[in-house]
N, C-alpha and C. Protein backbone atom coordinates (compact mmCIF):
# COMPACT_ATOMS: atom_id res chain seq x y z
N MET A 1 -11.53 -8.77 -21.99
CA MET A 1 -10.10 -8.60 -21.85
C MET A 1 -9.74 -7.12 -21.66
N GLU A 2 -10.46 -6.27 -22.37
CA GLU A 2 -10.20 -4.83 -22.22
C GLU A 2 -10.56 -4.36 -20.82
N THR A 3 -11.62 -4.93 -20.27
CA THR A 3 -12.05 -4.54 -18.93
C THR A 3 -11.00 -4.93 -17.89
N ALA A 4 -10.45 -6.12 -18.02
CA ALA A 4 -9.42 -6.57 -17.07
C ALA A 4 -8.15 -5.73 -17.19
N ALA A 5 -7.79 -5.40 -18.42
CA ALA A 5 -6.58 -4.58 -18.63
C ALA A 5 -6.77 -3.17 -18.08
N SER A 6 -7.93 -2.59 -18.32
CA SER A 6 -8.16 -1.24 -17.80
C SER A 6 -8.27 -1.25 -16.28
N PHE A 7 -8.86 -2.32 -15.72
CA PHE A 7 -8.93 -2.45 -14.26
C PHE A 7 -7.53 -2.51 -13.66
N ALA A 8 -6.66 -3.32 -14.26
CA ALA A 8 -5.29 -3.44 -13.76
C ALA A 8 -4.53 -2.13 -13.88
N LEU A 9 -4.74 -1.41 -14.97
CA LEU A 9 -4.06 -0.13 -15.17
C LEU A 9 -4.53 0.91 -14.16
N ILE A 10 -5.84 1.01 -13.97
CA ILE A 10 -6.38 1.97 -13.01
C ILE A 10 -5.96 1.60 -11.59
N LEU A 11 -5.97 0.31 -11.27
CA LEU A 11 -5.56 -0.13 -9.94
C LEU A 11 -4.09 0.21 -9.69
N THR A 12 -3.25 0.04 -10.68
CA THR A 12 -1.83 0.37 -10.54
C THR A 12 -1.62 1.86 -10.30
N ILE A 13 -2.31 2.68 -11.08
CA ILE A 13 -2.17 4.13 -10.93
C ILE A 13 -2.70 4.58 -9.57
N TYR A 14 -3.85 4.07 -9.16
CA TYR A 14 -4.41 4.42 -7.85
C TYR A 14 -3.50 3.93 -6.73
N PHE A 15 -2.92 2.74 -6.88
CA PHE A 15 -2.04 2.19 -5.84
C PHE A 15 -0.81 3.08 -5.65
N LEU A 16 -0.19 3.49 -6.75
CA LEU A 16 1.00 4.33 -6.63
C LEU A 16 0.67 5.69 -6.03
N GLY A 17 -0.48 6.24 -6.41
CA GLY A 17 -0.90 7.51 -5.83
C GLY A 17 -1.21 7.40 -4.35
N CYS A 18 -1.93 6.34 -3.97
CA CYS A 18 -2.24 6.14 -2.55
C CYS A 18 -0.98 5.85 -1.74
N LEU A 19 -0.05 5.13 -2.34
CA LEU A 19 1.21 4.84 -1.66
C LEU A 19 1.97 6.12 -1.36
N ALA A 20 2.00 7.04 -2.32
CA ALA A 20 2.69 8.31 -2.09
C ALA A 20 2.00 9.13 -1.01
N LEU A 21 0.67 9.16 -1.02
CA LEU A 21 -0.05 9.93 -0.01
C LEU A 21 0.08 9.33 1.39
N ILE A 22 -0.02 8.03 1.49
CA ILE A 22 0.05 7.38 2.80
C ILE A 22 1.46 7.46 3.38
N GLN A 23 2.48 7.45 2.52
CA GLN A 23 3.84 7.61 3.03
C GLN A 23 4.08 9.01 3.57
N GLU A 24 3.32 9.98 3.11
CA GLU A 24 3.42 11.32 3.68
C GLU A 24 2.73 11.40 5.04
N VAL A 25 1.64 10.66 5.19
CA VAL A 25 0.90 10.68 6.45
C VAL A 25 1.56 9.78 7.49
N ILE A 26 1.85 8.54 7.10
CA ILE A 26 2.49 7.57 7.99
C ILE A 26 3.94 7.44 7.53
N ARG A 27 4.83 8.03 8.25
CA ARG A 27 6.24 7.99 7.87
C ARG A 27 6.80 6.58 7.97
N PRO A 28 7.53 6.12 6.95
CA PRO A 28 8.17 4.81 7.05
C PRO A 28 9.17 4.80 8.22
N ARG A 29 9.11 3.75 9.01
CA ARG A 29 9.93 3.67 10.22
C ARG A 29 10.70 2.36 10.22
N ARG A 30 11.94 2.42 10.65
CA ARG A 30 12.78 1.24 10.75
C ARG A 30 13.54 1.32 12.07
N GLN A 31 13.38 0.29 12.91
CA GLN A 31 13.99 0.32 14.24
C GLN A 31 14.67 -1.01 14.50
N LEU A 32 15.91 -0.95 14.98
CA LEU A 32 16.66 -2.16 15.31
C LEU A 32 16.37 -2.56 16.75
N ILE A 33 15.90 -3.79 16.94
CA ILE A 33 15.62 -4.34 18.26
C ILE A 33 16.71 -5.36 18.58
N VAL A 34 17.48 -5.10 19.63
CA VAL A 34 18.56 -6.01 20.05
C VAL A 34 18.00 -6.95 21.10
N GLU A 35 18.29 -8.25 20.93
CA GLU A 35 17.76 -9.27 21.83
C GLU A 35 18.77 -9.60 22.93
N GLY A 36 18.48 -9.19 24.14
CA GLY A 36 19.31 -9.55 25.30
C GLY A 36 20.73 -9.01 25.21
N ASN A 37 21.68 -9.83 25.67
CA ASN A 37 23.09 -9.42 25.69
C ASN A 37 23.82 -9.76 24.41
N THR A 38 23.17 -10.46 23.52
CA THR A 38 23.83 -10.85 22.27
C THR A 38 23.88 -9.66 21.31
N LYS A 39 24.70 -9.80 20.32
CA LYS A 39 24.82 -8.74 19.31
C LYS A 39 23.81 -8.92 18.18
N LYS A 40 22.96 -9.93 18.31
CA LYS A 40 21.97 -10.17 17.27
C LYS A 40 20.74 -9.29 17.49
N GLY A 41 20.13 -8.95 16.40
CA GLY A 41 18.93 -8.14 16.49
C GLY A 41 18.11 -8.30 15.22
N HIS A 42 16.95 -7.71 15.22
CA HIS A 42 16.11 -7.74 14.02
C HIS A 42 15.48 -6.37 13.84
N TRP A 43 15.13 -6.11 12.60
CA TRP A 43 14.54 -4.82 12.24
C TRP A 43 13.03 -4.88 12.35
N VAL A 44 12.43 -3.88 12.96
CA VAL A 44 10.98 -3.75 13.03
C VAL A 44 10.60 -2.56 12.16
N THR A 45 9.73 -2.81 11.19
CA THR A 45 9.33 -1.74 10.26
C THR A 45 7.80 -1.64 10.21
N ASN A 46 7.32 -0.58 9.61
CA ASN A 46 5.89 -0.44 9.37
C ASN A 46 5.59 -0.44 7.87
N TYR A 47 6.47 -1.04 7.09
CA TYR A 47 6.29 -1.07 5.63
C TYR A 47 5.05 -1.86 5.23
N SER A 48 4.80 -2.98 5.91
CA SER A 48 3.64 -3.80 5.54
C SER A 48 2.33 -3.06 5.79
N LYS A 49 2.27 -2.29 6.86
CA LYS A 49 1.07 -1.50 7.15
C LYS A 49 0.83 -0.48 6.04
N ILE A 50 1.88 0.17 5.58
CA ILE A 50 1.77 1.17 4.52
C ILE A 50 1.32 0.52 3.22
N ILE A 51 1.91 -0.62 2.88
CA ILE A 51 1.56 -1.32 1.63
C ILE A 51 0.11 -1.80 1.66
N PHE A 52 -0.31 -2.43 2.76
CA PHE A 52 -1.67 -2.96 2.84
C PHE A 52 -2.72 -1.86 2.86
N MET A 53 -2.45 -0.77 3.54
CA MET A 53 -3.39 0.34 3.54
C MET A 53 -3.51 0.96 2.15
N SER A 54 -2.39 1.12 1.47
CA SER A 54 -2.40 1.68 0.12
C SER A 54 -3.16 0.78 -0.84
N PHE A 55 -2.92 -0.53 -0.75
CA PHE A 55 -3.60 -1.46 -1.64
C PHE A 55 -5.09 -1.51 -1.34
N GLY A 56 -5.46 -1.49 -0.08
CA GLY A 56 -6.88 -1.51 0.28
C GLY A 56 -7.63 -0.29 -0.20
N ILE A 57 -7.04 0.88 0.00
CA ILE A 57 -7.69 2.11 -0.45
C ILE A 57 -7.77 2.16 -1.97
N SER A 58 -6.71 1.74 -2.65
CA SER A 58 -6.73 1.77 -4.12
C SER A 58 -7.71 0.74 -4.68
N LEU A 59 -7.83 -0.41 -4.04
CA LEU A 59 -8.80 -1.41 -4.49
C LEU A 59 -10.22 -0.89 -4.31
N PHE A 60 -10.49 -0.26 -3.18
CA PHE A 60 -11.81 0.31 -2.93
C PHE A 60 -12.14 1.40 -3.95
N THR A 61 -11.20 2.31 -4.19
CA THR A 61 -11.47 3.40 -5.14
C THR A 61 -11.60 2.90 -6.57
N THR A 62 -10.89 1.84 -6.92
CA THR A 62 -11.02 1.27 -8.26
C THR A 62 -12.39 0.64 -8.44
N PHE A 63 -12.85 -0.13 -7.45
CA PHE A 63 -14.19 -0.71 -7.53
C PHE A 63 -15.26 0.37 -7.56
N LEU A 64 -15.06 1.42 -6.79
CA LEU A 64 -16.01 2.53 -6.79
C LEU A 64 -16.05 3.21 -8.15
N ALA A 65 -14.90 3.41 -8.77
CA ALA A 65 -14.85 4.03 -10.10
C ALA A 65 -15.54 3.15 -11.13
N TYR A 66 -15.30 1.85 -11.07
CA TYR A 66 -15.97 0.95 -12.02
C TYR A 66 -17.47 0.91 -11.80
N TYR A 67 -17.89 0.94 -10.56
CA TYR A 67 -19.32 0.93 -10.26
C TYR A 67 -19.99 2.20 -10.77
N LEU A 68 -19.36 3.34 -10.55
CA LEU A 68 -19.96 4.62 -10.96
C LEU A 68 -19.95 4.83 -12.47
N PHE A 69 -18.89 4.42 -13.13
CA PHE A 69 -18.76 4.71 -14.56
C PHE A 69 -19.33 3.62 -15.47
N LEU A 70 -19.48 2.40 -14.97
CA LEU A 70 -20.00 1.35 -15.83
C LEU A 70 -21.50 1.13 -15.65
N ASN A 71 -22.08 1.66 -14.61
CA ASN A 71 -23.53 1.49 -14.40
C ASN A 71 -24.29 2.71 -14.81
């Protein structure tokens, strides 16, 4: 139980740190795309790319930390 709790804590800290760094490198972007002659449109963002990259890097670094420190 302690291992799972410490893993979740380290993953959270790494995720927030990676999120801050990646947002500096890849600027969050929001663009309105209008469809044809209508006044309707939708927003195109790169938020999901930033979130997934941050989570992937933090997951990798957390596993690397556990591998190095527990073995």
